[in-house]
C-alpha atoms as a PDB file:
ATOM      1  CA  UNK A   1     -16.562   3.043 -38.120  1.00  0.00           C
ATOM      2  CA  UNK A   2     -15.036   1.431 -35.019  1.00  0.00           C
ATOM      3  CA  UNK A   3     -15.990   2.965 -31.710  1.00  0.00           C
ATOM      4  CA  UNK A   4     -12.865   3.308 -29.567  1.00  0.00           C
ATOM      5  CA  UNK A   5     -12.599   2.101 -26.036  1.00  0.00           C
ATOM      6  CA  UNK A   6     -10.821   3.719 -23.111  1.00  0.00           C
ATOM      7  CA  UNK A   7      -9.321   1.262 -20.656  1.00  0.00           C
ATOM      8  CA  UNK A   8      -8.693   2.706 -17.210  1.00  0.00           C
ATOM      9  CA  UNK A   9      -5.951   0.939 -15.266  1.00  0.00           C
ATOM     10  CA  UNK A  10      -6.009   1.733 -11.552  1.00  0.00           C
ATOM     11  CA  UNK A  11      -2.971   0.521  -9.633  1.00  0.00           C
ATOM     12  CA  UNK A  12      -2.827   0.537  -5.833  1.00  0.00           C
ATOM     13  CA  UNK A  13      -0.119  -0.355  -3.352  1.00  0.00           C
ATOM     14  CA  UNK A  14       1.156   0.376   0.106  1.00  0.00           C
ATOM     15  CA  UNK A  15       4.679   0.495  -1.353  1.00  0.00           C
ATOM     16  CA  UNK A  16       4.951   3.825  -3.153  1.00  0.00           C
ATOM     17  CA  UNK A  17       8.363   3.121  -4.703  1.00  0.00           C
ATOM     18  CA  UNK A  18       7.258  -0.168  -6.286  1.00  0.00           C
ATOM     19  CA  UNK A  19       4.032   1.447  -7.498  1.00  0.00           C
ATOM     20  CA  UNK A  20       5.960   4.291  -9.157  1.00  0.00           C
ATOM     21  CA  UNK A  21       8.328   1.803 -10.795  1.00  0.00           C
ATOM     22  CA  UNK A  22       5.480  -0.316 -12.219  1.00  0.00           C
ATOM     23  CA  UNK A  23       3.569   2.737 -13.478  1.00  0.00           C
ATOM     24  CA  UNK A  24       6.765   4.126 -15.018  1.00  0.00           C
ATOM     25  CA  UNK A  25       7.388   0.840 -16.840  1.00  0.00           C
ATOM     26  CA  UNK A  26       3.848   0.843 -18.276  1.00  0.00           C
ATOM     27  CA  UNK A  27       4.258   4.458 -19.397  1.00  0.00           C
ATOM     28  CA  UNK A  28       7.622   3.756 -21.099  1.00  0.00           C
ATOM     29  CA  UNK A  29       6.188   0.711 -22.901  1.00  0.00           C
ATOM     30  CA  UNK A  30       3.233   2.771 -24.123  1.00  0.00           C
ATOM     31  CA  UNK A  31       5.567   5.490 -25.436  1.00  0.00           C
ATOM     32  CA  UNK A  32       7.723   2.934 -27.291  1.00  0.00           C
ATOM     33  CA  UNK A  33       4.663   1.373 -28.930  1.00  0.00           C
ATOM     34  CA  UNK A  34       2.973   4.680 -29.805  1.00  0.00           C
ATOM     35  CA  UNK A  35       0.005   4.002 -27.519  1.00  0.00           C
ATOM     36  CA  UNK A  36      -2.111   6.997 -26.475  1.00  0.00           C
ATOM     37  CA  UNK A  37      -1.860   7.009 -22.694  1.00  0.00           C
ATOM     38  CA  UNK A  38      -3.292   9.613 -20.332  1.00  0.00           C
ATOM     39  CA  UNK A  39      -1.691   9.821 -16.928  1.00  0.00           C
ATOM     40  CA  UNK A  40      -0.450   8.628 -14.617  1.00  0.00           C
ATOM     41  CA  UNK A  41      -2.846  10.535 -12.391  1.00  0.00           C
ATOM     42  CA  UNK A  42      -2.015  10.409  -8.686  1.00  0.00           C
ATOM     43  CA  UNK A  43      -5.012  10.181  -6.422  1.00  0.00           C
ATOM     44  CA  UNK A  44      -4.988  11.260  -2.807  1.00  0.00           C
ATOM     45  CA  UNK A  45      -3.367   8.510  -0.700  1.00  0.00           C
ATOM     46  CA  UNK A  46      -5.837   6.657   1.509  1.00  0.00           C
ATOM     47  CA  UNK A  47      -4.928   6.253   5.183  1.00  0.00           C
ATOM     48  CA  UNK A  48      -6.149   3.092   6.915  1.00  0.00           C
ATOM     49  CA  UNK A  49      -6.271   2.174  10.586  1.00  0.00           C
ATOM     50  CA  UNK A  50      -6.872  -1.432  11.633  1.00  0.00           C
ATOM     51  CA  UNK A  51      -7.594  -2.293  15.279  1.00  0.00           C
ATOM     52  CA  UNK A  52      -5.622  -5.230  16.698  1.00  0.00           C
ATOM     53  CA  UNK A  53      -6.870  -7.408  19.542  1.00  0.00           C
ATOM     54  CA  UNK A  54      -4.377  -9.145  21.827  1.00  0.00           C
ATOM     55  CA  UNK A  55      -6.745 -12.120  22.133  1.00  0.00           C
ATOM     56  CA  UNK A  56      -9.812 -13.479  20.344  1.00  0.00           C
ATOM     57  CA  UNK A  57     -12.043 -11.749  22.894  1.00  0.00           C
ATOM     58  CA  UNK A  58     -13.551  -8.738  21.058  1.00  0.00           C
ATOM     59  CA  UNK A  59     -13.853  -6.774  24.326  1.00  0.00           C
ATOM     60  CA  UNK A  60     -10.399  -7.747  25.548  1.00  0.00           C
ATOM     61  CA  UNK A  61      -7.149  -5.798  25.571  1.00  0.00           C
ATOM     62  CA  UNK A  62      -5.856  -4.314  22.327  1.00  0.00           C
ATOM     63  CA  UNK A  63      -2.576  -3.435  20.728  1.00  0.00           C
ATOM     64  CA  UNK A  64      -2.333  -0.015  19.140  1.00  0.00           C
ATOM     65  CA  UNK A  65      -3.977   0.131  15.707  1.00  0.00           C
ATOM     66  CA  UNK A  66      -2.019  -0.779  12.621  1.00  0.00           C
ATOM     67  CA  UNK A  67      -1.700   2.315  10.415  1.00  0.00           C
ATOM     68  CA  UNK A  68      -0.903   2.131   6.707  1.00  0.00           C
ATOM     69  CA  UNK A  69      -1.255   4.163   3.521  1.00  0.00           C
ATOM     70  CA  UNK A  70      -2.451   3.002   0.106  1.00  0.00           C
ATOM     71  CA  UNK A  71      -1.160   4.930  -2.921  1.00  0.00           C
ATOM     72  CA  UNK A  72      -3.210   5.054  -6.130  1.00  0.00           C
ATOM     73  CA  UNK A  73      -2.214   5.793  -9.747  1.00  0.00           C
ATOM     74  CA  UNK A  74      -4.630   5.837 -12.675  1.00  0.00           C
ATOM     75  CA  UNK A  75      -3.766   5.482 -16.377  1.00  0.00           C
ATOM     76  CA  UNK A  76      -6.131   5.661 -19.346  1.00  0.00           C
ATOM     77  CA  UNK A  77      -5.309   3.742 -22.511  1.00  0.00           C
ATOM     78  CA  UNK A  78      -7.208   5.171 -25.487  1.00  0.00           C
ATOM     79  CA  UNK A  79      -7.913   2.472 -28.064  1.00  0.00           C
ATOM     80  CA  UNK A  80      -5.029  -0.027 -28.227  1.00  0.00           C
ATOM     81  CA  UNK A  81      -7.048  -2.779 -26.586  1.00  0.00           C
ATOM     82  CA  UNK A  82      -4.231  -5.276 -27.132  1.00  0.00           C
ATOM     83  CA  UNK A  83      -1.766  -3.136 -25.172  1.00  0.00           C
ATOM     84  CA  UNK A  84      -4.235  -2.677 -22.304  1.00  0.00           C
ATOM     85  CA  UNK A  85      -4.918  -6.424 -22.252  1.00  0.00           C
ATOM     86  CA  UNK A  86      -1.190  -7.234 -22.166  1.00  0.00           C
ATOM     87  CA  UNK A  87      -0.685  -4.926 -19.169  1.00  0.00           C
ATOM     88  CA  UNK A  88      -3.673  -6.457 -17.359  1.00  0.00           C
ATOM     89  CA  UNK A  89      -2.492 -10.038 -17.982  1.00  0.00           C
ATOM     90  CA  UNK A  90       1.141  -9.723 -16.950  1.00  0.00           C
ATOM     91  CA  UNK A  91       2.181 -10.628 -13.419  1.00  0.00           C
ATOM     92  CA  UNK A  92       2.671  -7.711 -11.040  1.00  0.00           C
ATOM     93  CA  UNK A  93       4.978  -7.471  -8.054  1.00  0.00           C
ATOM     94  CA  UNK A  94       3.523  -8.632  -4.766  1.00  0.00           C
ATOM     95  CA  UNK A  95       1.547  -5.887  -3.081  1.00  0.00           C
ATOM     96  CA  UNK A  96       0.372  -4.228  -6.307  1.00  0.00           C
ATOM     97  CA  UNK A  97      -3.372  -4.402  -7.017  1.00  0.00           C
ATOM     98  CA  UNK A  98      -4.694  -3.684 -10.517  1.00  0.00           C
ATOM     99  CA  UNK A  99      -8.296  -2.811 -11.344  1.00  0.00           C
ATOM    100  CA  UNK A 100      -9.338  -2.592 -15.021  1.00  0.00           C
ATOM    101  CA  UNK A 101     -12.359  -0.729 -16.331  1.00  0.00           C
ATOM    102  CA  UNK A 102     -13.290  -0.534 -20.024  1.00  0.00           C
ATOM    103  CA  UNK A 103     -15.544   2.245 -21.308  1.00  0.00           C
ATOM    104  CA  UNK A 104     -16.905   2.692 -24.791  1.00  0.00           C
ATOM    105  CA  UNK A 105     -16.378   6.196 -26.133  1.00  0.00           C
ATOM    106  CA  UNK A 106     -19.368   7.687 -27.926  1.00  0.00           C
ATOM    107  CA  UNK A 107     -18.924   9.586 -31.168  1.00  0.00           C
ATOM    108  CA  UNK A 108     -20.390  13.088 -31.534  1.00  0.00           C
ATOM    109  CA  UNK A 109     -23.325  11.652 -33.524  1.00  0.00           C
ATOM    110  CA  UNK A 110     -24.248   9.428 -30.555  1.00  0.00           C
ATOM    111  CA  UNK A 111     -23.146   6.045 -31.938  1.00  0.00           C
END
């Protein structure tokens, strides 16, 4: 008996509209191909603040910090390793980061 895998695709971007479009495209492709897909799950956006120096002197004058938000969506592909691989290998729009994690699902008898 084959032990199925769950591939978690985590997509992140500072551009919420592009992220939603990419996630929507993956979801539509999965539906057309009959792939079991859980999600997309929206995670709490992460706010970042980056200090900006006016010069190379670390103690010198500063500009106001650069503030930006990173949006996160998570999808789980159950089985269908080929579909998950195709999503992971295709080029993504600039500014979209993809992280892939593969987990083996145990059967009730522990195999």
